[in-house]
Amino acid sequence: MNFPFTAIVDQEEMKLGLILNVIDPSIGGLLIMGEKGTGKSTTVRALAELLPEIEVVKGCRFNCSIKGPFCVECEERLNRGDTLEIEFKKMEVVELPLGVTEDRVLGTLDLEYALTMGKRKFEPGLLARANQNFLYIDEVNLLEDHIVDLLLDSAAMGMNRVEREGLSFYHPARFILVGSMNPEEGELRPQFLDRFGLCVEIKAIVDKEKRKEVLKRRIQFDLDKEGFLKAWYDEQERLKERILTAKRLWHEIEVSDEILEKIVSLTAELSLDGHRGDIVLLKASKAYASFEGDKELKTSHIKKILAMALRHRLKRLPFEDPKEEVKKLYEITQLL
């Protein structure tokens, strides 16, 4: 049993970042940076209870969307003239451990089976299970470089290809990447950092009343998990319904040319590389607008999302204090 998402005290920016990715998975995931013991892993795991169902091809081992792209097995079924049926599966949070092997991530082709039986046999890895789901990496900055490279390739192509001794297999790998880390233990490679759509920085709660509330809720949960979950059931259901409503309506949010002008003016002022920052800021702001029940994207929505979308994309000078980044974002926000 996971601790209820709605029972987590404070840390509103982290919770909002996760919710926005449920509403619009194309935002690109979330990086959570913060001190140890601030509830990073607890919050991500708690998200699982709020996740909606997704449409997948019935019987597919790789969670292929009925709209495609398809894995080798689904394509073979289509080539035979079979009809792909739909089934609904609840989204999940798939965890990728630090010591994971390459085969465990990608999956493996059984060469012995192929030689003896004359047929291809593929054992799915974590990327297969993560397709259309959340892929969570705790202490992501400590992940081995060769695993990071595999994730970068899969995230860029949206497909996982495995080739061994002339045999090949592929399946879609479109996952929502969530990572948590303590910056004191090392930084992320720039290529990997840029792959996260949003980034939040969290700190331990200092308010005494809130800290007392954290203790009370944790003790209640440890003593009577079922009772605690029951007490927070209504809150969980209300948030779940709010997310589902926003997920249905976010694509209908109206975006004016004036708002687009403001977004590109902000990113140009910050001299960001590429266009990913602009795109993520727009998508996340739309998701937030729908979560708030608005039908039109407003300046207030952009202000709320600005730091999350851009803080990890700012150019930092050598030996520059990270606090200067916060100052930059604050100054830029005043332009809105």
Protein backbone atom coordinates (compact mmCIF):
# COMPACT_ATOMS: atom_id res chain seq x y z
CA MET A 1 0.00 0.00 0.00
CA ASN A 2 1.32 3.42 -0.99
CA PHE A 3 0.88 6.57 1.07
CA PRO A 4 -2.04 8.60 -0.39
CA PHE A 5 -0.99 11.34 -2.79
CA THR A 6 -3.44 13.85 -1.33
CA ALA A 7 -2.19 13.19 2.21
CA ILE A 8 1.33 14.40 1.42
CA VAL A 9 1.94 17.68 3.25
CA ASP A 10 3.03 20.71 1.18
CA GLN A 11 5.52 20.11 -1.71
CA GLU A 12 2.86 21.52 -4.04
CA GLU A 13 5.21 22.21 -6.96
CA MET A 14 6.37 18.58 -7.06
CA LYS A 15 2.80 17.27 -6.94
CA LEU A 16 1.68 19.71 -9.65
CA GLY A 17 4.58 18.70 -11.92
CA LEU A 18 3.50 15.05 -11.73
CA ILE A 19 -0.17 15.86 -12.29
CA LEU A 20 0.59 17.95 -15.39
CA ASN A 21 2.41 14.97 -16.92
CA VAL A 22 -0.65 12.78 -16.36
CA ILE A 23 -2.83 15.37 -18.09
CA ASP A 24 -0.45 15.71 -21.07
CA PRO A 25 2.19 12.93 -21.28
CA SER A 26 3.93 14.73 -24.16
CA ILE A 27 5.25 17.36 -21.70
CA GLY A 28 8.25 15.08 -21.27
CA GLY A 29 8.39 14.02 -17.64
CA LEU A 30 9.71 15.56 -14.45
CA LEU A 31 13.03 15.86 -12.63
CA ILE A 32 12.74 16.26 -8.85
CA MET A 33 15.79 17.76 -7.16
CA GLY A 34 15.94 17.98 -3.39
CA GLU A 35 17.57 16.98 -0.14
CA LYS A 36 17.24 13.43 1.13
CA GLY A 37 14.15 12.69 3.19
CA THR A 38 11.89 15.25 1.51
CA GLY A 39 9.32 12.76 0.20
CA LYS A 40 10.46 12.53 -3.43
CA SER A 41 10.08 8.76 -3.85
CA THR A 42 6.99 8.61 -1.65
CA THR A 43 5.22 11.18 -3.82
CA VAL A 44 6.08 9.50 -7.14
CA ARG A 45 4.96 6.08 -5.90
CA ALA A 46 1.76 7.60 -4.48
CA LEU A 47 0.91 8.91 -7.96
CA ALA A 48 0.17 5.35 -9.12
CA GLU A 49 -3.23 5.36 -7.38
CA LEU A 50 -4.37 8.41 -9.35
CA LEU A 51 -3.37 7.25 -12.81
CA PRO A 52 -6.12 6.74 -15.42
CA GLU A 53 -6.61 3.84 -17.82
CA ILE A 54 -4.98 3.77 -21.24
CA GLU A 55 -6.07 2.16 -24.50
CA VAL A 56 -3.82 -0.72 -25.59
CA VAL A 57 -3.95 -3.51 -28.15
CA LYS A 58 -5.60 -6.51 -26.53
CA GLY A 59 -3.06 -9.22 -25.74
CA CYS A 60 -0.03 -7.10 -26.63
CA ARG A 61 2.95 -7.63 -24.34
CA PHE A 62 4.28 -4.14 -25.08
CA ASN A 63 1.25 -1.94 -24.34
CA CYS A 64 1.01 -0.83 -27.97
CA SER A 65 -1.47 1.97 -28.55
CA ILE A 66 -4.28 1.05 -30.92
CA LYS A 67 -3.26 4.15 -32.93
CA GLY A 68 0.34 2.90 -33.31
CA PRO A 69 3.25 2.74 -33.62
CA PHE A 70 3.20 -1.04 -33.29
CA CYS A 71 5.63 -3.69 -32.12
CA VAL A 72 6.81 -6.51 -34.40
CA GLU A 73 4.16 -8.88 -33.03
CA CYS A 74 1.26 -6.46 -33.66
CA GLU A 75 2.54 -5.75 -37.17
CA GLU A 76 2.68 -9.48 -37.89
CA ARG A 77 -0.93 -9.80 -36.74
CA LEU A 78 -1.96 -6.96 -39.06
CA ASN A 79 -0.08 -8.53 -41.97
CA ARG A 80 -2.02 -11.77 -41.39
CA GLY A 81 -5.25 -9.80 -41.67
CA ASP A 82 -6.11 -10.00 -37.96
CA THR A 83 -8.13 -7.23 -36.35
CA LEU A 84 -6.48 -5.54 -33.39
CA GLU A 85 -8.94 -5.24 -30.53
CA ILE A 86 -8.82 -2.64 -27.76
CA GLU A 87 -8.55 -3.24 -24.04
CA PHE A 88 -8.06 -0.81 -21.18
CA LYS A 89 -5.19 -1.05 -18.69
CA LYS A 90 -4.47 1.18 -15.74
CA MET A 91 -1.29 3.22 -16.11
CA GLU A 92 1.49 2.34 -13.70
CA VAL A 93 4.75 3.65 -12.30
CA VAL A 94 7.59 1.37 -13.43
CA GLU A 95 10.77 1.70 -11.36
CA LEU A 96 14.22 1.34 -12.89
CA PRO A 97 16.82 0.37 -10.23
CA LEU A 98 20.33 1.84 -10.27
CA GLY A 99 22.14 -1.49 -10.71
CA VAL A 100 19.98 -2.59 -13.64
CA THR A 101 21.62 -4.46 -16.52
CA GLU A 102 21.30 -3.59 -20.20
CA ASP A 103 19.30 -6.77 -20.92
CA ARG A 104 16.89 -5.96 -18.09
CA VAL A 105 16.24 -2.54 -19.62
CA LEU A 106 16.01 -3.47 -23.29
CA GLY A 107 14.87 -7.10 -23.14
CA THR A 108 16.63 -10.12 -24.63
CA LEU A 109 16.47 -12.22 -27.79
CA ASP A 110 16.79 -15.96 -27.07
CA LEU A 111 19.38 -17.17 -29.59
CA GLU A 112 19.26 -20.78 -28.44
CA TYR A 113 15.49 -20.92 -28.97
CA ALA A 114 15.89 -19.37 -32.42
CA LEU A 115 18.52 -21.95 -33.43
CA THR A 116 16.62 -25.00 -32.13
CA MET A 117 13.05 -23.98 -32.96
CA GLY A 118 13.65 -21.69 -35.92
CA LYS A 119 11.51 -18.99 -34.37
CA ARG A 120 12.28 -15.63 -32.83
CA LYS A 121 11.67 -15.33 -29.08
CA PHE A 122 11.91 -12.03 -27.23
CA GLU A 123 11.75 -11.54 -23.47
CA PRO A 124 10.49 -7.99 -22.74
CA GLY A 125 12.50 -5.62 -20.53
CA LEU A 126 11.54 -2.62 -18.44
CA LEU A 127 11.13 -0.38 -21.49
CA ALA A 128 8.37 -2.67 -22.77
CA ARG A 129 6.49 -2.43 -19.48
CA ALA A 130 7.06 1.34 -19.34
CA ASN A 131 5.52 2.02 -22.76
CA GLN A 132 2.62 4.48 -22.22
CA ASN A 133 3.47 4.49 -18.51
CA PHE A 134 5.69 6.36 -16.07
CA LEU A 135 9.34 5.25 -15.82
CA TYR A 136 10.76 6.30 -12.45
CA ILE A 137 14.47 6.43 -11.57
CA ASP A 138 15.42 7.26 -7.99
CA GLU A 139 18.90 8.80 -7.59
CA VAL A 140 18.92 9.29 -11.36
CA ASN A 141 22.22 11.19 -11.23
CA LEU A 142 23.95 7.99 -10.07
CA LEU A 143 22.73 5.91 -13.03
CA GLU A 144 25.54 4.31 -15.07
CA ASP A 145 26.42 6.12 -18.29
CA HIS A 146 25.70 3.21 -20.64
CA ILE A 147 22.16 2.89 -19.21
CA VAL A 148 21.68 6.65 -19.61
CA ASP A 149 22.68 6.29 -23.28
CA LEU A 150 20.06 3.57 -23.79
CA LEU A 151 17.36 5.74 -22.26
CA LEU A 152 18.41 8.74 -24.36
CA ASP A 153 18.20 6.67 -27.56
CA SER A 154 14.79 5.23 -26.68
CA ALA A 155 13.40 8.60 -25.61
CA ALA A 156 14.60 10.24 -28.83
CA MET A 157 13.21 7.56 -31.18
CA GLY A 158 10.20 6.45 -29.18
CA MET A 159 11.19 2.88 -30.10
CA ASN A 160 13.34 0.18 -28.55
CA ARG A 161 15.34 -1.91 -31.04
CA VAL A 162 17.26 -5.01 -30.01
CA GLU A 163 19.56 -6.77 -32.47
CA ARG A 164 21.55 -9.94 -31.74
CA GLU A 165 23.43 -12.14 -34.21
CA GLY A 166 21.28 -11.24 -37.20
CA LEU A 167 18.01 -11.32 -35.24
CA SER A 168 16.12 -8.11 -34.53
CA PHE A 169 13.06 -7.04 -32.57
CA TYR A 170 11.46 -3.67 -31.91
CA HIS A 171 8.59 -2.22 -29.94
CA PRO A 172 7.40 1.31 -29.02
CA ALA A 173 8.97 2.83 -25.91
CA ARG A 174 7.06 6.03 -25.25
CA PHE A 175 7.36 6.55 -21.52
CA ILE A 176 6.99 9.51 -19.16
CA LEU A 177 10.40 9.85 -17.52
CA VAL A 178 10.49 10.85 -13.84
CA GLY A 179 13.76 11.12 -11.96
CA SER A 180 14.64 12.18 -8.44
CA MET A 181 18.05 13.18 -7.14
CA ASN A 182 19.99 14.94 -4.40
CA PRO A 183 22.13 17.60 -6.15
CA GLU A 184 24.77 17.25 -3.43
CA GLU A 185 25.59 13.77 -4.78
CA GLY A 186 26.42 14.90 -8.31
CA GLU A 187 24.86 16.46 -11.40
CA LEU A 188 23.19 15.03 -14.48
CA ARG A 189 24.75 14.99 -17.93
CA PRO A 190 23.39 17.97 -19.94
CA GLN A 191 21.91 15.70 -22.64
CA PHE A 192 19.94 13.76 -20.03
CA LEU A 193 18.92 16.87 -18.09
CA ASP A 194 17.37 18.39 -21.21
CA ARG A 195 15.21 15.30 -21.74
CA PHE A 196 13.11 16.12 -18.67
CA GLY A 197 10.23 18.38 -19.60
CA LEU A 198 9.84 19.95 -16.16
CA CYS A 199 12.13 20.34 -13.17
CA VAL A 200 11.28 21.16 -9.55
CA GLU A 201 13.50 21.91 -6.57
CA ILE A 202 12.12 20.93 -3.19
CA LYS A 203 13.35 21.50 0.34
CA ALA A 204 12.53 20.13 3.76
CA ILE A 205 9.50 21.76 5.39
CA VAL A 206 10.58 24.26 8.06
CA ASP A 207 7.17 25.35 9.34
CA LYS A 208 6.67 23.65 12.73
CA GLU A 209 2.94 23.07 12.32
CA LYS A 210 3.42 21.43 8.93
CA ARG A 211 6.26 19.27 10.27
CA LYS A 212 3.97 18.13 13.11
CA GLU A 213 1.30 17.27 10.54
CA VAL A 214 3.82 15.18 8.59
CA LEU A 215 4.58 13.20 11.77
CA LYS A 216 0.90 12.72 12.64
CA ARG A 217 -0.04 11.42 9.18
CA ARG A 218 2.95 9.10 8.97
CA ILE A 219 2.21 7.59 12.39
CA GLN A 220 -1.47 7.12 11.49
CA PHE A 221 -0.53 5.43 8.22
CA ASP A 222 1.98 3.08 9.87
CA LEU A 223 -0.46 2.07 12.62
CA ASP A 224 -3.54 1.53 10.45
CA LYS A 225 -2.91 1.61 6.70
CA GLU A 226 -6.42 0.54 5.67
CA GLY A 227 -8.08 3.05 7.99
CA PHE A 228 -5.82 5.86 6.80
CA LEU A 229 -6.48 5.07 3.13
CA LYS A 230 -10.22 5.01 3.83
CA ALA A 231 -10.03 8.42 5.54
CA TRP A 232 -8.37 9.92 2.45
CA TYR A 233 -10.46 8.02 -0.12
CA ASP A 234 -12.82 10.90 -0.94
CA GLU A 235 -9.93 13.36 -1.42
CA GLN A 236 -8.19 10.89 -3.71
CA GLU A 237 -11.33 10.37 -5.79
CA ARG A 238 -11.94 14.12 -6.14
CA LEU A 239 -8.40 14.68 -7.39
CA LYS A 240 -8.64 11.69 -9.72
CA GLU A 241 -11.83 13.07 -11.27
CA ARG A 242 -10.30 16.54 -11.60
CA ILE A 243 -7.32 15.06 -13.46
CA LEU A 244 -9.57 13.03 -15.77
CA THR A 245 -11.65 16.12 -16.59
CA ALA A 246 -8.52 18.15 -17.34
CA LYS A 247 -7.13 15.31 -19.46
CA ARG A 248 -10.27 15.34 -21.61
CA LEU A 249 -10.26 19.13 -22.08
CA TRP A 250 -6.63 20.32 -22.21
CA HIS A 251 -6.42 20.13 -26.02
CA GLU A 252 -9.38 22.53 -26.28
CA ILE A 253 -7.60 25.35 -24.42
CA GLU A 254 -7.51 28.46 -26.62
CA VAL A 255 -4.09 30.07 -27.15
CA SER A 256 -3.94 33.61 -28.50
CA ASP A 257 -1.12 35.11 -30.59
CA GLU A 258 -0.49 37.50 -27.70
CA ILE A 259 0.26 34.60 -25.36
CA LEU A 260 2.55 32.96 -27.93
CA GLU A 261 4.38 36.28 -28.29
CA LYS A 262 4.92 36.43 -24.53
CA ILE A 263 6.31 32.88 -24.43
CA VAL A 264 8.86 33.42 -27.20
CA SER A 265 9.83 36.80 -25.73
CA LEU A 266 10.61 35.12 -22.41
CA THR A 267 12.67 32.32 -23.90
CA ALA A 268 14.51 34.70 -26.21
CA GLU A 269 15.38 36.94 -23.24
CA LEU A 270 16.89 33.92 -21.48
CA SER A 271 18.88 32.94 -24.62
CA LEU A 272 17.78 29.30 -24.40
CA ASP A 273 19.23 26.76 -26.83
CA GLY A 274 16.73 25.16 -29.19
CA HIS A 275 12.94 25.28 -28.96
CA ARG A 276 12.21 22.57 -26.40
CA GLY A 277 11.81 25.13 -23.61
CA ASP A 278 9.18 27.08 -25.58
CA ILE A 279 7.24 23.93 -26.42
CA VAL A 280 7.30 22.54 -22.88
CA LEU A 281 6.27 25.89 -21.38
CA LEU A 282 3.28 26.07 -23.73
CA LYS A 283 2.19 22.47 -23.18
CA ALA A 284 2.55 22.56 -19.40
CA SER A 285 0.76 25.92 -19.17
CA LYS A 286 -2.15 24.50 -21.19
CA ALA A 287 -2.31 21.45 -18.93
CA TYR A 288 -2.33 23.72 -15.87
CA ALA A 289 -5.10 25.87 -17.37
CA SER A 290 -7.28 22.80 -17.91
CA PHE A 291 -6.49 21.56 -14.38
CA GLU A 292 -7.72 24.93 -13.07
CA GLY A 293 -10.89 24.61 -15.16
CA ASP A 294 -10.10 27.51 -17.51
CA LYS A 295 -10.83 27.47 -21.24
CA GLU A 296 -8.21 29.99 -22.30
CA LEU A 297 -4.47 30.18 -21.66
CA LYS A 298 -3.64 33.24 -19.55
CA THR A 299 -0.52 35.01 -18.35
CA SER A 300 -1.16 33.72 -14.81
CA HIS A 301 -0.85 30.13 -16.05
CA ILE A 302 2.52 30.85 -17.68
CA LYS A 303 3.80 32.53 -14.51
CA LYS A 304 2.90 29.44 -12.48
CA ILE A 305 4.76 27.08 -14.83
CA LEU A 306 7.71 29.24 -15.88
CA ALA A 307 10.24 28.09 -13.26
CA MET A 308 9.31 24.41 -13.66
CA ALA A 309 9.72 24.50 -17.42
CA LEU A 310 12.88 26.59 -17.69
CA ARG A 311 15.05 26.45 -14.53
CA HIS A 312 17.07 23.44 -15.75
CA ARG A 313 17.55 24.97 -19.22
CA LEU A 314 19.19 28.21 -18.11
CA LYS A 315 22.80 28.77 -19.09
CA ARG A 316 25.02 28.92 -16.02
CA LEU A 317 28.38 30.63 -16.11
CA PRO A 318 31.39 28.85 -14.55
CA PHE A 319 31.30 29.13 -10.72
CA GLU A 320 27.98 30.97 -10.88
CA ASP A 321 25.83 30.63 -7.77
CA PRO A 322 22.66 28.57 -8.52
CA LYS A 323 20.71 31.28 -6.69
CA GLU A 324 21.46 33.55 -9.65
CA GLU A 325 19.26 31.28 -11.78
CA VAL A 326 16.31 31.91 -9.46
CA LYS A 327 17.01 35.63 -9.68
CA LYS A 328 17.02 35.46 -13.49
CA LEU A 329 13.66 33.69 -13.58
CA TYR A 330 12.16 36.17 -11.13
CA GLU A 331 13.33 39.11 -13.24
CA ILE A 332 11.99 37.53 -16.41
CA THR A 333 8.62 36.84 -14.76
CA GLN A 334 8.21 40.57 -14.18
CA LEU A 335 8.06 41.01 -17.97
CA LEU A 336 4.73 39.18 -18.12
